[in-house]
Amino acid sequence: MGRRQFVRVSGTAAVGSFVLNAPQSGASSRRRDAAELLLHGGIVVTMDAKRRVFRDGAIAVREGAIVDIGSSASLLARWTSSSKIDLSGFVATPGLINSHIHITGDQLLPGLRPDDSVPSEHLTKWGLPAYQHSRPEDDRAAARFVALQMLRQGSTGFIEAGTCRHPAAVLDGLADMGIRGSIGTWAGDRWPEPGFFSMTTDQALRRIHDALALPQERVQVWPDVLGTAICSDDLYQGAARLAREFNRHWTFHMSPSPSDITAYRARTGRDPLVQLDHLGVLDDRCVVGHAIHISDAEVAALNRSGATVVFSPHSALRLSSGVTVVGRHPDLKRMALGTDALSSNHVNILNAAALACNIYAEARKSYATVTAERALEWLIPGGANALGWLDRTGTLEVGKWADIAVFDVGVPVYNVANALVHSSPRAVHVFIEGKQVVHDGHVKGEQAIHKDAVEAARRVAQRSGLPLATGWPLLD
């Protein structure tokens, strides 16, 4: 395994983070205890409340949890392990959380939609047909394919955006991938015209309830709804009730464009999120996707309720949402980041963090609006909070799951947050509860997962009539 020799900055690190050499008191003892895994020698970014960063840090893991963290010198003196990994030249962080991502349907065909396609056909022509014509085996292959990509980007957790039409197949496909997260099934009861996806409120709630009853392990089923104006007040209230009954969080899409505001004001006389707050739907279990076109009253409702908003920067830009003109994400108390689906064509969540910084630097004419540090806070502890698991992941602290991502940032580290967010880092190793799921950038069985996804894409394209190639022709 290659090592990069980074410049070691004397004293504390540069602006935006501080580096410690002193150990944390977590498992101090004169004798050397046995750890199942001992990572040492790299920069360790804890993301804890004090935002401690260890220049030459180490993490000891036992029974899937962190049992000690601090300087390499102190931990190597206190711990021994048959599984030591030298992280010299690398940066370790808590596992990343992708808080808004679709993992079936059009994710089998990344990049297919040509950029010169008609914007109004984004979903109807290029997105929905893949969902309509996917069968359980296709959703299974798609979910594994997307999970593979997320792991290789350093993500250990995710929030699927509520569009798994075959949730049992998705859960089965993810069972051996190691990644943790949530999925939801397809539920919306106010489609603008009758068709394949139409359902009543009762049918939507029954669909959600049946999915909640499926066997679940690291990946939970949430009572998600599709959201926007295609869900009724009764469906939103029913989903919120199920979230409380099953002790789950839940997510929905809202206001990626102005159309939801127009529809809600016409129907209820209120802005969308004000109406949901009036219904008692918004609370700290609620995860709102997009929320780009929101009013002052909606900002206040979100901040008062404790709901989390997830910003997917690439889809916001590619769909010409107007985020640089109207975006309010820096004004919200609880934020997370996602990569969405067809509209972004990738799952690189650190790249999304960089774009979030740059969007609001341009929008508000100050790159201090969303700093690299703030973007990492949205991404990691913010994502863990959105999942409802901040007490177990999202920071590197004693007692928490050993969900750890290790990156080669490719440059000398003078500001660790900037290096992680703005230097296009590469995930080298990833651990979930101390088990290594990414080795030197690769996942076991990845070629078979990729092959299955390609075959599923061909099947879905054939059934739906979607092309298998667009843009410049590929010559034999």
Protein backbone atom coordinates (compact mmCIF):
# COMPACT_ATOMS: atom_id res chain seq x y z
CA MET A 1 0.00 0.00 0.00
CA GLY A 2 1.49 3.29 -1.11
CA ARG A 3 2.08 6.09 1.39
CA ARG A 4 2.07 9.83 0.81
CA GLN A 5 4.54 11.89 2.82
CA PHE A 6 2.62 14.99 3.86
CA VAL A 7 4.13 18.13 5.27
CA ARG A 8 3.76 18.08 9.05
CA VAL A 9 2.88 21.56 10.25
CA SER A 10 4.49 22.40 13.56
CA GLY A 11 2.29 23.61 16.41
CA THR A 12 -1.41 23.69 15.75
CA ALA A 13 -2.91 23.22 12.34
CA ALA A 14 -3.81 26.11 10.09
CA VAL A 15 -7.06 28.06 10.13
CA GLY A 16 -10.30 26.16 10.62
CA SER A 17 -9.19 23.24 12.79
CA PHE A 18 -6.81 22.50 15.59
CA VAL A 19 -4.57 19.50 16.02
CA LEU A 20 -3.82 17.72 19.27
CA ASN A 21 -0.92 15.59 20.28
CA ALA A 22 -2.19 14.75 23.78
CA PRO A 23 -4.19 11.55 24.22
CA GLN A 24 -7.79 11.38 25.28
CA SER A 25 -8.32 9.53 28.52
CA GLY A 26 -10.45 6.63 27.43
CA ALA A 27 -8.74 3.38 28.32
CA SER A 28 -5.58 4.36 30.18
CA SER A 29 -3.74 1.54 31.89
CA ARG A 30 -0.20 0.44 32.54
CA ARG A 31 -0.82 -2.90 30.87
CA ARG A 32 -1.49 -3.18 27.14
CA ASP A 33 -5.05 -4.21 26.45
CA ALA A 34 -6.01 -6.17 23.33
CA ALA A 35 -7.94 -4.37 20.60
CA GLU A 36 -9.48 -6.13 17.65
CA LEU A 37 -8.39 -3.27 15.38
CA LEU A 38 -5.82 -0.53 15.91
CA LEU A 39 -5.55 2.27 13.38
CA HIS A 40 -2.59 4.59 13.89
CA GLY A 41 -0.24 7.07 12.25
CA GLY A 42 -2.70 9.26 10.35
CA ILE A 43 -4.54 12.50 10.89
CA VAL A 44 -7.73 11.68 12.82
CA VAL A 45 -10.67 14.07 12.48
CA THR A 46 -13.08 13.26 15.30
CA MET A 47 -15.95 15.67 14.46
CA ASP A 48 -16.77 15.60 18.18
CA ALA A 49 -18.23 18.60 20.02
CA LYS A 50 -14.77 20.17 20.37
CA ARG A 51 -13.86 19.29 16.76
CA ARG A 52 -10.62 17.71 17.93
CA VAL A 53 -8.13 16.67 15.27
CA PHE A 54 -5.09 14.50 16.08
CA ARG A 55 -2.06 15.08 13.88
CA ASP A 56 -0.65 11.60 14.48
CA GLY A 57 -3.77 9.90 15.74
CA ALA A 58 -4.95 6.42 16.57
CA ILE A 59 -8.24 4.60 17.12
CA ALA A 60 -8.68 1.36 19.07
CA VAL A 61 -11.70 -0.81 18.29
CA ARG A 62 -13.23 -3.72 20.14
CA GLU A 63 -16.57 -5.50 19.57
CA GLY A 64 -17.46 -3.06 16.80
CA ALA A 65 -17.08 0.06 18.95
CA ILE A 66 -14.39 2.65 19.55
CA VAL A 67 -12.73 1.96 22.91
CA ASP A 68 -9.96 4.58 22.77
CA ILE A 69 -8.88 7.49 20.61
CA GLY A 70 -5.97 9.88 20.87
CA SER A 71 -2.36 10.19 19.78
CA SER A 72 -0.61 7.21 18.23
CA ALA A 73 2.08 7.31 20.90
CA SER A 74 -0.42 7.01 23.72
CA LEU A 75 -2.58 4.32 22.14
CA LEU A 76 0.34 2.19 20.99
CA ALA A 77 1.56 2.27 24.57
CA ARG A 78 -1.85 1.20 25.91
CA TRP A 79 -3.07 -1.23 23.28
CA THR A 80 -1.89 -4.19 21.28
CA SER A 81 -3.68 -5.77 18.34
CA SER A 82 -3.18 -8.52 15.80
CA SER A 83 -4.80 -6.17 13.28
CA LYS A 84 -2.81 -2.94 13.10
CA ILE A 85 -3.15 -0.62 10.11
CA ASP A 86 -0.70 2.21 9.56
CA LEU A 87 -2.52 5.28 8.23
CA SER A 88 0.59 7.40 7.65
CA GLY A 89 -0.16 9.99 4.97
CA PHE A 90 -3.92 9.49 5.24
CA VAL A 91 -6.83 11.24 6.98
CA ALA A 92 -9.41 9.31 9.01
CA THR A 93 -12.92 10.67 9.58
CA PRO A 94 -16.22 9.29 10.80
CA GLY A 95 -17.98 7.42 8.02
CA LEU A 96 -19.76 9.82 5.68
CA ILE A 97 -23.57 9.95 5.46
CA ASN A 98 -25.35 10.45 2.13
CA SER A 99 -28.68 11.80 3.35
CA HIS A 100 -30.66 11.97 0.09
CA ILE A 101 -30.02 9.34 -2.54
CA HIS A 102 -32.11 7.17 -4.81
CA ILE A 103 -30.77 3.63 -5.12
CA THR A 104 -33.06 1.97 -7.68
CA GLY A 105 -34.70 2.83 -11.00
CA ASP A 106 -32.73 5.40 -12.96
CA GLN A 107 -29.62 4.76 -10.88
CA LEU A 108 -29.07 1.75 -13.16
CA LEU A 109 -28.53 4.19 -16.04
CA PRO A 110 -26.24 6.95 -14.73
CA GLY A 111 -25.50 9.72 -17.19
CA LEU A 112 -28.05 8.50 -19.76
CA ARG A 113 -30.17 11.67 -19.87
CA PRO A 114 -28.55 14.03 -22.42
CA ASP A 115 -27.93 17.58 -21.26
CA ASP A 116 -29.90 18.99 -24.19
CA SER A 117 -33.06 17.12 -23.24
CA VAL A 118 -36.22 19.09 -22.50
CA PRO A 119 -36.30 19.99 -18.77
CA SER A 120 -39.99 19.08 -18.48
CA GLU A 121 -39.10 15.53 -19.57
CA HIS A 122 -36.49 15.03 -16.85
CA LEU A 123 -38.77 12.73 -14.86
CA THR A 124 -41.44 11.66 -17.32
CA LYS A 125 -39.10 10.50 -20.09
CA TRP A 126 -35.79 9.76 -18.35
CA GLY A 127 -36.61 8.97 -14.73
CA LEU A 128 -39.99 7.37 -14.12
CA PRO A 129 -39.85 4.71 -16.88
CA ALA A 130 -36.92 2.98 -15.17
CA TYR A 131 -38.90 2.77 -11.92
CA GLN A 132 -42.03 1.57 -13.69
CA HIS A 133 -40.29 -1.23 -15.55
CA SER A 134 -37.92 -2.45 -12.82
CA ARG A 135 -38.69 -5.81 -11.27
CA PRO A 136 -37.49 -7.05 -7.87
CA GLU A 137 -34.30 -8.54 -9.29
CA ASP A 138 -33.51 -5.22 -10.98
CA ASP A 139 -34.04 -3.22 -7.79
CA ARG A 140 -31.83 -5.69 -5.94
CA ALA A 141 -29.02 -5.26 -8.47
CA ALA A 142 -29.42 -1.48 -8.49
CA ALA A 143 -29.28 -1.20 -4.70
CA ARG A 144 -26.10 -3.26 -4.53
CA PHE A 145 -24.55 -1.20 -7.32
CA VAL A 146 -25.30 2.11 -5.58
CA ALA A 147 -24.18 0.77 -2.20
CA LEU A 148 -20.88 -0.28 -3.80
CA GLN A 149 -20.37 3.24 -5.12
CA MET A 150 -21.24 4.82 -1.78
CA LEU A 151 -18.80 2.60 0.10
CA ARG A 152 -16.03 3.42 -2.35
CA GLN A 153 -16.66 7.13 -1.69
CA GLY A 154 -16.35 6.70 2.08
CA SER A 155 -20.05 6.60 2.94
CA THR A 156 -21.04 4.22 5.72
CA GLY A 157 -24.65 5.41 5.99
CA PHE A 158 -27.40 6.70 3.72
CA ILE A 159 -31.00 7.87 3.58
CA GLU A 160 -32.79 6.57 0.50
CA ALA A 161 -35.34 9.08 -0.75
CA GLY A 162 -38.45 6.87 -0.58
CA THR A 163 -38.58 5.39 -4.08
CA CYS A 164 -37.95 1.65 -3.61
CA ARG A 165 -40.88 -0.04 -5.33
CA HIS A 166 -39.62 -3.48 -4.27
CA PRO A 167 -38.33 -2.92 -0.73
CA ALA A 168 -37.96 -6.61 0.16
CA ALA A 169 -35.60 -7.13 -2.78
CA VAL A 170 -33.63 -4.02 -1.84
CA LEU A 171 -33.23 -5.14 1.77
CA ASP A 172 -32.07 -8.55 0.58
CA GLY A 173 -29.57 -7.00 -1.80
CA LEU A 174 -28.08 -4.76 0.88
CA ALA A 175 -27.91 -7.42 3.61
CA ASP A 176 -24.28 -8.40 2.98
CA MET A 177 -22.97 -4.99 1.87
CA GLY A 178 -22.30 -3.79 5.42
CA ILE A 179 -23.63 -0.29 4.84
CA ARG A 180 -26.28 1.07 7.20
CA GLY A 181 -29.17 3.36 6.38
CA SER A 182 -32.85 3.65 5.55
CA ILE A 183 -35.15 3.00 2.61
CA GLY A 184 -38.76 3.84 1.85
CA THR A 185 -41.31 2.46 -0.55
CA TRP A 186 -43.17 4.34 -3.28
CA ALA A 187 -46.09 6.27 -1.76
CA GLY A 188 -47.98 9.20 -3.27
CA ASP A 189 -51.74 9.71 -3.58
CA ARG A 190 -52.21 12.93 -5.57
CA TRP A 191 -50.64 12.18 -8.96
CA PRO A 192 -51.67 14.85 -11.47
CA GLU A 193 -53.21 12.26 -13.81
CA PRO A 194 -54.23 8.60 -13.47
CA GLY A 195 -51.56 6.12 -14.45
CA PHE A 196 -49.20 3.39 -13.36
CA PHE A 197 -48.16 5.14 -10.12
CA SER A 198 -51.64 6.21 -9.01
CA MET A 199 -52.89 5.00 -5.62
CA THR A 200 -55.35 6.04 -2.95
CA THR A 201 -54.33 7.30 0.47
CA ASP A 202 -55.30 3.98 2.04
CA GLN A 203 -53.30 2.05 -0.55
CA ALA A 204 -50.26 4.25 0.04
CA LEU A 205 -50.44 3.81 3.82
CA ARG A 206 -50.93 0.04 3.45
CA ARG A 207 -47.90 -0.09 1.17
CA ILE A 208 -45.84 1.74 3.79
CA HIS A 209 -47.12 -0.43 6.63
CA ASP A 210 -46.31 -3.64 4.72
CA ALA A 211 -42.77 -2.40 4.08
CA LEU A 212 -42.31 -1.51 7.75
CA ALA A 213 -43.16 -5.11 8.64
CA LEU A 214 -40.28 -6.55 6.57
CA PRO A 215 -37.26 -8.05 8.40
CA GLN A 216 -34.63 -5.35 8.90
CA GLU A 217 -31.06 -5.21 10.17
CA ARG A 218 -28.58 -2.42 9.43
CA VAL A 219 -30.91 -0.94 6.83
CA GLN A 220 -34.25 0.21 8.26
CA VAL A 221 -37.52 0.80 6.47
CA TRP A 222 -38.90 4.28 7.07
CA PRO A 223 -42.50 5.46 6.48
CA ASP A 224 -41.39 7.75 3.67
CA VAL A 225 -43.69 9.45 1.19
CA LEU A 226 -42.71 10.92 -2.16
CA GLY A 227 -43.68 14.38 -0.94
CA THR A 228 -44.23 17.62 -2.84
CA ALA A 229 -47.79 18.36 -3.95
CA ILE A 230 -48.41 14.75 -5.02
CA CYS A 231 -49.12 13.70 -1.43
CA SER A 232 -52.28 14.63 0.46
CA ASP A 233 -52.46 16.08 3.94
CA ASP A 234 -53.90 12.76 5.12
CA LEU A 235 -50.93 10.85 3.71
CA TYR A 236 -48.40 13.19 5.34
CA GLN A 237 -50.19 12.86 8.67
CA GLY A 238 -50.43 9.09 8.32
CA ALA A 239 -46.72 8.78 7.58
CA ALA A 240 -45.82 10.98 10.55
CA ARG A 241 -48.05 8.84 12.77
CA LEU A 242 -46.32 5.66 11.57
CA ALA A 243 -42.91 7.24 12.21
CA ARG A 244 -43.86 7.79 15.83
CA GLU A 245 -45.49 4.35 16.16
CA PHE A 246 -42.48 2.49 14.75
CA ASN A 247 -39.88 4.84 16.28
CA ARG A 248 -38.48 5.82 12.90
CA HIS A 249 -37.46 8.96 11.13
CA TRP A 250 -38.99 9.63 7.69
CA THR A 251 -38.28 11.69 4.60
CA PHE A 252 -40.02 13.36 1.67
CA HIS A 253 -39.26 15.76 -1.18
CA MET A 254 -40.43 19.37 -1.02
CA SER A 255 -40.03 22.54 -3.08
CA PRO A 256 -37.17 21.73 -5.47
CA SER A 257 -39.00 24.21 -7.72
CA PRO A 258 -41.62 26.95 -7.18
CA SER A 259 -44.47 24.65 -8.30
CA ASP A 260 -45.07 23.27 -4.80
CA ILE A 261 -45.52 26.78 -3.41
CA THR A 262 -48.06 27.58 -6.12
CA ALA A 263 -49.98 24.34 -5.55
CA TYR A 264 -50.07 24.62 -1.76
CA ARG A 265 -51.05 28.27 -1.70
CA ALA A 266 -53.89 27.54 -4.13
CA ARG A 267 -55.12 24.55 -2.13
CA THR A 268 -54.48 25.60 1.49
CA GLY A 269 -53.62 29.29 1.50
CA ARG A 270 -50.30 28.42 3.16
CA ASP A 271 -46.73 27.73 2.06
CA PRO A 272 -46.01 23.96 1.89
CA LEU A 273 -43.92 23.55 5.05
CA VAL A 274 -46.10 25.98 6.98
CA GLN A 275 -49.06 23.77 6.08
CA LEU A 276 -47.21 20.64 7.22
CA ASP A 277 -46.26 22.39 10.44
CA HIS A 278 -49.92 23.34 10.91
CA LEU A 279 -50.82 19.65 10.48
CA GLY A 280 -48.33 18.62 13.16
CA VAL A 281 -46.11 16.81 10.67
CA LEU A 282 -42.84 18.69 11.18
CA ASP A 283 -40.73 17.50 14.11
CA ASP A 284 -37.23 16.21 14.78
CA ARG A 285 -38.01 12.89 13.05
CA CYS A 286 -38.71 14.67 9.78
CA VAL A 287 -36.11 14.83 6.96
CA VAL A 288 -37.00 17.20 4.12
CA GLY A 289 -35.32 16.73 0.75
CA HIS A 290 -34.35 19.86 -1.23
CA ALA A 291 -36.38 22.76 0.31
CA ILE A 292 -34.90 25.22 -2.17
CA HIS A 293 -37.89 27.50 -2.70
CA ILE A 294 -38.92 28.26 0.87
CA SER A 295 -40.25 31.39 2.54
CA ASP A 296 -39.25 33.17 5.74
CA ALA A 297 -42.22 31.51 7.44
CA GLU A 298 -41.01 28.08 6.31
CA VAL A 299 -37.49 28.76 7.56
CA ALA A 300 -38.97 29.64 10.94
CA ALA A 301 -41.15 26.51 10.96
CA LEU A 302 -38.21 24.26 10.10
CA ASN A 303 -35.97 25.77 12.75
CA ARG A 304 -38.67 25.66 15.39
CA SER A 305 -39.64 22.04 14.66
CA GLY A 306 -36.17 20.47 14.68
CA ALA A 307 -36.65 18.97 11.21
CA THR A 308 -33.56 18.39 9.05
CA VAL A 309 -33.27 19.65 5.48
CA VAL A 310 -31.04 17.80 3.01
CA PHE A 311 -29.37 19.82 0.26
CA SER A 312 -28.31 17.99 -2.92
CA PRO A 313 -26.16 20.63 -4.64
CA HIS A 314 -25.53 18.88 -7.95
CA SER A 315 -29.17 18.18 -8.70
CA ALA A 316 -30.07 21.74 -7.69
CA LEU A 317 -27.66 23.14 -10.27
CA ARG A 318 -28.24 20.62 -13.06
CA LEU A 319 -32.00 21.10 -12.84
CA SER A 320 -31.63 24.90 -12.88
CA SER A 321 -33.54 25.17 -9.63
CA GLY A 322 -32.55 28.76 -8.90
CA VAL A 323 -30.70 27.85 -5.71
CA THR A 324 -28.06 30.54 -6.23
CA VAL A 325 -30.84 33.13 -6.21
CA VAL A 326 -33.31 31.86 -3.61
CA GLY A 327 -31.46 29.22 -1.54
CA ARG A 328 -31.86 29.48 2.24
CA HIS A 329 -29.89 26.47 3.49
CA PRO A 330 -27.32 28.49 5.50
CA ASP A 331 -30.23 29.95 7.50
CA LEU A 332 -31.40 26.53 8.73
CA LYS A 333 -30.39 24.97 12.04
CA ARG A 334 -30.32 21.32 10.97
CA MET A 335 -28.79 20.44 7.64
CA ALA A 336 -27.42 17.39 5.85
CA LEU A 337 -26.13 16.69 2.34
CA GLY A 338 -27.09 14.27 -0.43
CA THR A 339 -26.33 13.41 -4.03
CA ASP A 340 -29.86 12.58 -5.29
CA ALA A 341 -29.95 10.46 -8.49
CA LEU A 342 -30.39 11.00 -12.23
CA SER A 343 -29.86 14.72 -11.88
CA SER A 344 -26.35 14.35 -10.45
CA ASN A 345 -25.16 11.03 -11.93
CA HIS A 346 -22.73 10.28 -9.10
CA VAL A 347 -22.60 9.54 -5.37
CA ASN A 348 -19.46 11.48 -4.43
CA ILE A 349 -20.74 13.12 -1.27
CA LEU A 350 -17.51 14.99 -0.47
CA ASN A 351 -17.76 16.56 -3.90
CA ALA A 352 -21.29 17.60 -2.95
CA ALA A 353 -19.88 19.23 0.18
CA ALA A 354 -17.45 21.24 -1.95
CA LEU A 355 -20.21 22.33 -4.28
CA ALA A 356 -22.41 23.40 -1.35
CA CYS A 357 -19.59 25.69 -0.21
CA ASN A 358 -19.11 27.14 -3.68
CA ILE A 359 -22.81 27.65 -4.42
CA TYR A 360 -23.31 29.80 -1.34
CA ALA A 361 -20.01 31.60 -1.77
CA GLU A 362 -21.35 32.79 -5.12
CA ALA A 363 -24.93 33.30 -3.94
CA ARG A 364 -24.02 35.43 -0.93
CA LYS A 365 -20.74 36.80 -2.19
CA SER A 366 -18.77 35.35 0.71
CA TYR A 367 -16.99 32.02 0.95
CA ALA A 368 -17.43 32.26 4.71
CA THR A 369 -21.15 31.50 4.28
CA VAL A 370 -20.60 27.74 4.11
CA THR A 371 -17.03 26.92 5.08
CA ALA A 372 -15.45 23.51 4.57
CA GLU A 373 -15.85 22.93 8.31
CA ARG A 374 -19.55 23.73 8.16
CA ALA A 375 -20.04 21.50 5.12
CA LEU A 376 -18.43 18.60 7.00
CA GLU A 377 -20.75 19.29 9.93
CA TRP A 378 -23.75 19.10 7.61
CA LEU A 379 -22.39 15.97 5.98
CA ILE A 380 -21.29 13.83 8.94
CA PRO A 381 -22.91 14.65 12.31
CA GLY A 382 -25.76 16.35 10.46
CA GLY A 383 -26.34 13.21 8.43
CA ALA A 384 -26.11 10.99 11.50
CA ASN A 385 -28.67 13.19 13.23
CA ALA A 386 -30.97 12.92 10.21
CA LEU A 387 -30.70 9.13 10.46
CA GLY A 388 -31.52 9.31 14.15
CA TRP A 389 -28.22 7.70 15.11
CA LEU A 390 -26.06 10.61 16.27
CA ASP A 391 -25.66 8.88 19.63
CA ARG A 392 -24.03 5.94 17.82
CA THR A 393 -22.23 7.35 14.77
CA GLY A 394 -21.31 10.66 13.11
CA THR A 395 -18.32 11.33 15.37
CA LEU A 396 -15.25 9.36 16.43
CA GLU A 397 -15.73 8.97 20.19
CA VAL A 398 -15.36 6.22 22.76
CA GLY A 399 -18.47 4.07 22.86
CA LYS A 400 -19.68 4.84 19.34
CA TRP A 401 -19.75 2.45 16.40
CA ALA A 402 -16.39 2.18 14.68
CA ASP A 403 -17.68 3.59 11.39
CA ILE A 404 -14.52 5.08 9.92
CA ALA A 405 -13.47 6.35 6.49
CA VAL A 406 -9.80 6.78 5.58
CA PHE A 407 -8.87 9.15 2.76
CA ASP A 408 -5.87 9.94 0.61
CA VAL A 409 -6.38 13.66 0.13
CA GLY A 410 -3.56 13.81 -2.40
CA VAL A 411 -2.05 17.08 -1.16
CA PRO A 412 -0.07 18.34 1.82
CA VAL A 413 -2.47 19.03 4.68
CA TYR A 414 -2.32 22.61 5.91
CA ASN A 415 -6.05 22.89 6.61
CA VAL A 416 -7.62 19.49 7.15
CA ALA A 417 -11.21 20.54 6.42
CA ASN A 418 -10.23 22.22 3.16
CA ALA A 419 -8.16 19.18 2.19
CA LEU A 420 -11.11 16.83 2.74
CA VAL A 421 -13.69 18.99 1.00
CA HIS A 422 -11.82 20.74 -1.79
CA SER A 423 -9.00 18.42 -2.90
CA SER A 424 -11.04 15.55 -4.41
CA PRO A 425 -9.87 12.94 -1.88
CA ARG A 426 -9.98 9.21 -2.54
CA ALA A 427 -11.39 6.75 0.00
CA VAL A 428 -8.71 4.16 0.71
CA HIS A 429 -10.20 2.13 3.57
CA VAL A 430 -13.68 2.06 5.08
CA PHE A 431 -14.75 0.31 8.28
CA ILE A 432 -18.28 -0.30 9.56
CA GLU A 433 -18.46 -1.37 13.20
CA GLY A 434 -14.77 -2.14 12.91
CA LYS A 435 -15.15 -4.50 9.95
CA GLN A 436 -13.21 -3.43 6.89
CA VAL A 437 -15.56 -3.16 3.90
CA VAL A 438 -13.26 -1.20 1.58
CA HIS A 439 -9.66 -2.38 1.13
CA ASP A 440 -7.31 -0.09 -0.79
CA GLY A 441 -10.26 1.46 -2.60
CA HIS A 442 -11.99 -1.79 -3.51
CA VAL A 443 -14.94 -3.83 -2.24
CA LYS A 444 -15.04 -7.61 -2.26
CA GLY A 445 -17.14 -8.90 -5.16
CA GLU A 446 -17.36 -5.51 -6.87
CA GLN A 447 -16.94 -6.91 -10.39
CA ALA A 448 -19.92 -9.24 -9.98
CA ILE A 449 -22.01 -6.39 -8.53
CA HIS A 450 -21.13 -4.20 -11.50
CA LYS A 451 -21.92 -6.99 -13.98
CA ASP A 452 -25.33 -7.62 -12.40
CA ALA A 453 -26.15 -3.91 -12.61
CA VAL A 454 -25.25 -3.73 -16.29
CA GLU A 455 -27.47 -6.73 -17.04
CA ALA A 456 -30.33 -5.21 -15.02
CA ALA A 457 -29.94 -1.92 -16.90
CA ARG A 458 -30.28 -3.76 -20.22
CA ARG A 459 -33.45 -5.48 -19.05
CA VAL A 460 -35.01 -2.25 -17.78
CA ALA A 461 -34.08 -0.34 -20.93
CA GLN A 462 -35.58 -3.05 -23.12
CA ARG A 463 -38.87 -3.07 -21.21
CA SER A 464 -39.15 0.71 -20.94
CA GLY A 465 -37.96 1.70 -24.38
CA LEU A 466 -35.13 3.78 -22.95
CA PRO A 467 -31.99 3.88 -25.11
CA LEU A 468 -28.78 2.34 -23.84
CA ALA A 469 -26.67 5.13 -25.30
CA THR A 470 -27.02 8.87 -25.84
CA GLY A 471 -24.63 11.64 -26.83
CA TRP A 472 -21.52 10.98 -28.90
CA PRO A 473 -21.75 7.58 -30.60
CA LEU A 474 -19.37 4.84 -29.49
CA LEU A 475 -17.52 3.37 -32.47
CA ASP A 476 -16.48 -0.26 -32.80
